[in-house]
Amino acid sequence: MAEMGSIVTDRSQYLRVRSHAATTFDLDARLPGQVFKKDIGDSLFCEFDAVLTPEFWPALCTMARWYGDTCVELLVLEPECDAFYLADYRMYPAISLSVEAGVDDYWAAIGHEPDGDVMGSIAISANVIAVTGPSGRWGCWGERDPEVAVFRGFPSAAAQNEWRTQFGPFLGVSEALQSYLARTFAGWTVPAQYATTLTANYGRSSGRR
């Protein structure tokens, strides 16, 4: 575990992970706004909770390997580091894990319970996450409130389709609005402005290179 890296243990390492995330994402943005800084292709959505399960680790490693990243970095943006994780659990809400690690290593990191308190684990407490690698050429952004995660950075249509088939289900923005997102709004109806903004930012035409 130690040589593969896992939970970030000091502030300099935490800031390094945060810096990498900031090259890919606008860390202050939130859905339905555009969270990706760069135009890195089409978007696919899945349920937020799926990303924080051990079974999802191979999907993240595959994206990292497309661009030669030797590690996957996951940063929690909400709750806030100093006010929640450091104050209550004396831990930094980030991991840096080698792509050679296994599903058990990923779960050990995101499922780690500081002081034996499950509520401090990333898998339970994280509300907004940003996942990428040092290359900055791919990313996953997830939010617990709308209960979705969005992915970008597929090197080709063939790679995207293969990844989608192997690790799915994943949906495009219109299908995500009808399925994943509808469940999070009263009456199973996504507000028109939210749907319009999400579609403009993550629809197929917005991701063309």
Protein backbone atom coordinates (compact mmCIF):
# COMPACT_ATOMS: atom_id res chain seq x y z
CA MET A 1 0.00 0.00 0.00
CA ALA A 2 2.63 2.54 0.96
CA GLU A 3 4.56 2.32 -2.27
CA MET A 4 1.40 2.55 -4.32
CA GLY A 5 0.21 5.62 -2.47
CA SER A 6 -3.23 6.04 -1.01
CA ILE A 7 -4.69 8.59 1.39
CA VAL A 8 -2.93 11.94 1.28
CA THR A 9 -1.16 12.48 4.59
CA ASP A 10 0.24 16.01 4.52
CA ARG A 11 -0.74 19.45 3.31
CA SER A 12 1.88 19.72 0.55
CA GLN A 13 0.66 16.48 -0.99
CA TYR A 14 -2.94 17.62 -0.63
CA LEU A 15 -2.18 20.90 -2.36
CA ARG A 16 -0.43 19.02 -5.17
CA VAL A 17 -3.51 16.88 -5.78
CA ARG A 18 -5.67 19.99 -5.63
CA SER A 19 -3.41 21.74 -8.13
CA HIS A 20 -3.70 18.84 -10.59
CA ALA A 21 -7.48 18.90 -10.22
CA ALA A 22 -7.52 22.65 -10.84
CA THR A 23 -5.90 22.19 -14.26
CA THR A 24 -8.82 20.01 -15.35
CA PHE A 25 -11.75 21.49 -13.42
CA ASP A 26 -13.13 24.80 -12.25
CA LEU A 27 -13.16 23.85 -8.59
CA ASP A 28 -15.68 26.57 -7.74
CA ALA A 29 -18.21 25.52 -10.40
CA ARG A 30 -21.13 23.19 -9.76
CA LEU A 31 -23.60 21.35 -11.97
CA PRO A 32 -25.43 22.20 -14.15
CA GLY A 33 -22.63 24.69 -14.82
CA GLN A 34 -19.54 23.72 -16.78
CA VAL A 35 -17.06 22.17 -14.37
CA PHE A 36 -14.45 21.19 -17.00
CA LYS A 37 -11.95 23.88 -17.93
CA LYS A 38 -11.01 22.32 -21.25
CA ASP A 39 -12.99 20.97 -24.17
CA ILE A 40 -12.03 17.32 -23.78
CA GLY A 41 -14.77 15.59 -25.72
CA ASP A 42 -18.17 14.06 -25.20
CA SER A 43 -19.73 13.57 -21.79
CA LEU A 44 -21.10 10.43 -20.16
CA PHE A 45 -23.01 10.27 -16.87
CA CYS A 46 -23.46 7.64 -14.18
CA GLU A 47 -24.85 7.57 -10.66
CA PHE A 48 -22.67 9.37 -8.12
CA ASP A 49 -22.50 6.52 -5.63
CA ALA A 50 -21.14 4.13 -8.27
CA VAL A 51 -17.82 6.02 -8.41
CA LEU A 52 -17.28 5.50 -4.69
CA THR A 53 -17.42 1.70 -4.82
CA PRO A 54 -14.45 -0.67 -5.18
CA GLU A 55 -15.90 -2.12 -8.38
CA PHE A 56 -15.49 1.20 -10.16
CA TRP A 57 -11.72 1.35 -9.72
CA PRO A 58 -10.85 -0.41 -13.03
CA ALA A 59 -12.89 2.16 -14.98
CA LEU A 60 -10.84 5.01 -13.51
CA CYS A 61 -7.57 3.16 -14.11
CA THR A 62 -8.48 2.63 -17.76
CA MET A 63 -9.00 6.36 -18.26
CA ALA A 64 -5.69 7.13 -16.55
CA ARG A 65 -3.78 4.63 -18.67
CA TRP A 66 -5.06 6.17 -21.90
CA TYR A 67 -2.82 9.15 -21.18
CA GLY A 68 0.09 7.50 -19.43
CA ASP A 69 -0.95 8.56 -15.93
CA THR A 70 0.61 6.30 -13.33
CA CYS A 71 -1.88 7.29 -10.66
CA VAL A 72 -5.48 8.33 -10.14
CA GLU A 73 -6.13 11.32 -7.89
CA LEU A 74 -9.43 11.89 -6.14
CA LEU A 75 -10.14 15.19 -4.39
CA VAL A 76 -13.13 15.93 -2.17
CA LEU A 77 -14.33 19.54 -2.54
CA GLU A 78 -17.36 19.33 -0.26
CA PRO A 79 -17.35 19.06 2.72
CA GLU A 80 -14.47 21.52 2.94
CA CYS A 81 -11.05 20.28 3.99
CA ASP A 82 -10.19 22.56 6.91
CA ALA A 83 -13.68 23.04 8.33
CA PHE A 84 -14.73 19.37 8.23
CA TYR A 85 -12.03 16.80 7.53
CA LEU A 86 -9.15 18.41 9.39
CA ALA A 87 -11.28 19.84 12.18
CA ASP A 88 -13.21 16.65 12.88
CA TYR A 89 -10.94 13.85 11.65
CA ARG A 90 -7.42 15.25 11.25
CA MET A 91 -7.25 13.95 7.68
CA TYR A 92 -6.95 15.38 4.16
CA PRO A 93 -9.85 14.50 1.84
CA ALA A 94 -7.80 13.27 -1.11
CA ILE A 95 -6.20 10.12 -2.41
CA SER A 96 -3.42 9.45 -4.90
CA LEU A 97 -3.41 5.80 -5.88
CA SER A 98 -1.24 3.91 -8.38
CA VAL A 99 -3.00 2.42 -11.39
CA GLU A 100 -1.27 -0.82 -10.37
CA ALA A 101 -3.36 -0.89 -7.19
CA GLY A 102 -6.36 -3.18 -6.91
CA VAL A 103 -9.97 -2.73 -5.99
CA ASP A 104 -9.19 -3.53 -2.35
CA ASP A 105 -6.59 -0.75 -2.25
CA TYR A 106 -9.10 1.74 -3.66
CA TRP A 107 -11.69 0.73 -1.10
CA ALA A 108 -9.14 0.90 1.72
CA ALA A 109 -8.53 4.53 0.75
CA ILE A 110 -12.05 5.81 0.11
CA GLY A 111 -13.60 3.60 2.78
CA HIS A 112 -11.03 4.45 5.48
CA GLU A 113 -12.81 5.31 8.72
CA PRO A 114 -10.75 7.84 10.70
CA ASP A 115 -10.84 7.02 14.39
CA GLY A 116 -13.27 4.23 13.53
CA ASP A 117 -15.96 6.72 12.49
CA VAL A 118 -17.66 5.65 9.25
CA MET A 119 -19.06 9.15 8.77
CA GLY A 120 -15.53 10.42 8.17
CA SER A 121 -14.84 8.07 5.27
CA ILE A 122 -14.72 9.60 1.81
CA ALA A 123 -17.19 7.02 0.51
CA ILE A 124 -19.82 8.21 2.99
CA SER A 125 -19.04 11.88 3.57
CA ALA A 126 -17.99 13.18 0.14
CA ASN A 127 -20.58 15.43 -1.50
CA VAL A 128 -18.54 16.85 -4.40
CA ILE A 129 -15.54 15.03 -5.90
CA ALA A 130 -13.06 15.68 -8.69
CA VAL A 131 -11.08 12.76 -10.14
CA THR A 132 -8.27 13.02 -12.67
CA GLY A 133 -4.59 12.23 -13.20
CA PRO A 134 -1.40 14.29 -13.57
CA SER A 135 -1.92 14.56 -17.35
CA GLY A 136 -5.12 16.54 -16.84
CA ARG A 137 -6.54 15.06 -20.02
CA TRP A 138 -9.46 13.17 -18.50
CA GLY A 139 -11.74 13.61 -15.56
CA CYS A 140 -14.73 12.59 -13.51
CA TRP A 141 -16.76 15.14 -11.56
CA GLY A 142 -19.40 13.92 -9.12
CA GLU A 143 -22.02 15.59 -6.93
CA ARG A 144 -24.15 13.84 -4.33
CA ASP A 145 -27.00 16.37 -4.43
CA PRO A 146 -28.07 15.65 -8.04
CA GLU A 147 -26.63 12.13 -7.56
CA VAL A 148 -24.64 12.07 -10.79
CA ALA A 149 -21.05 11.93 -11.98
CA VAL A 150 -19.94 13.16 -15.39
CA PHE A 151 -16.93 11.91 -17.36
CA ARG A 152 -14.88 13.45 -20.14
CA GLY A 153 -11.58 12.71 -21.82
CA PHE A 154 -12.19 9.80 -24.16
CA PRO A 155 -9.36 9.57 -26.72
CA SER A 156 -11.61 8.27 -29.50
CA ALA A 157 -15.17 7.20 -30.19
CA ALA A 158 -14.02 3.57 -30.23
CA ALA A 159 -12.34 3.88 -26.83
CA GLN A 160 -15.41 5.61 -25.43
CA ASN A 161 -17.76 2.90 -26.68
CA GLU A 162 -15.52 0.11 -25.40
CA TRP A 163 -15.21 1.76 -21.97
CA ARG A 164 -18.94 2.41 -21.83
CA THR A 165 -19.74 -1.21 -22.68
CA GLN A 166 -17.21 -2.66 -20.25
CA PHE A 167 -17.90 -0.49 -17.22
CA GLY A 168 -21.41 0.91 -17.76
CA PRO A 169 -24.20 1.72 -17.61
CA PHE A 170 -23.45 5.28 -18.68
CA LEU A 171 -25.85 7.73 -20.24
CA GLY A 172 -25.65 10.83 -22.41
CA VAL A 173 -27.02 14.08 -21.06
CA SER A 174 -30.58 13.70 -22.40
CA GLU A 175 -30.92 10.19 -21.02
CA ALA A 176 -29.33 11.24 -17.71
CA LEU A 177 -31.91 14.02 -17.37
CA GLN A 178 -34.73 11.53 -17.86
CA SER A 179 -33.27 8.86 -15.58
CA TYR A 180 -30.66 9.73 -12.95
CA LEU A 181 -31.52 13.39 -12.52
CA ALA A 182 -35.29 13.14 -12.65
CA ARG A 183 -35.25 11.06 -9.46
CA THR A 184 -33.62 13.90 -7.51
CA PHE A 185 -36.29 16.52 -8.22
CA ALA A 186 -39.82 16.80 -6.89
CA GLY A 187 -42.36 15.11 -9.10
CA TRP A 188 -39.57 13.52 -11.15
CA THR A 189 -39.38 16.73 -13.18
CA VAL A 190 -36.05 18.46 -13.81
CA PRO A 191 -36.53 22.26 -13.83
CA ALA A 192 -36.39 23.62 -17.37
CA GLN A 193 -33.52 26.02 -16.69
CA TYR A 194 -31.43 23.27 -15.09
CA ALA A 195 -32.05 20.93 -18.02
CA THR A 196 -31.26 23.61 -20.58
CA THR A 197 -28.02 24.59 -18.87
CA LEU A 198 -26.87 21.00 -18.39
CA THR A 199 -27.64 20.17 -22.01
CA ALA A 200 -25.79 23.25 -23.27
CA ASN A 201 -22.71 22.35 -21.23
CA TYR A 202 -22.66 18.57 -21.62
CA GLY A 203 -24.59 17.80 -24.79
CA ARG A 204 -22.85 16.07 -27.66
CA SER A 205 -22.21 19.24 -29.68
CA SER A 206 -20.52 20.92 -26.69
CA GLY A 207 -17.93 18.17 -26.52
CA ARG A 208 -16.73 18.05 -30.11
CA ARG A 209 -13.01 18.56 -30.59
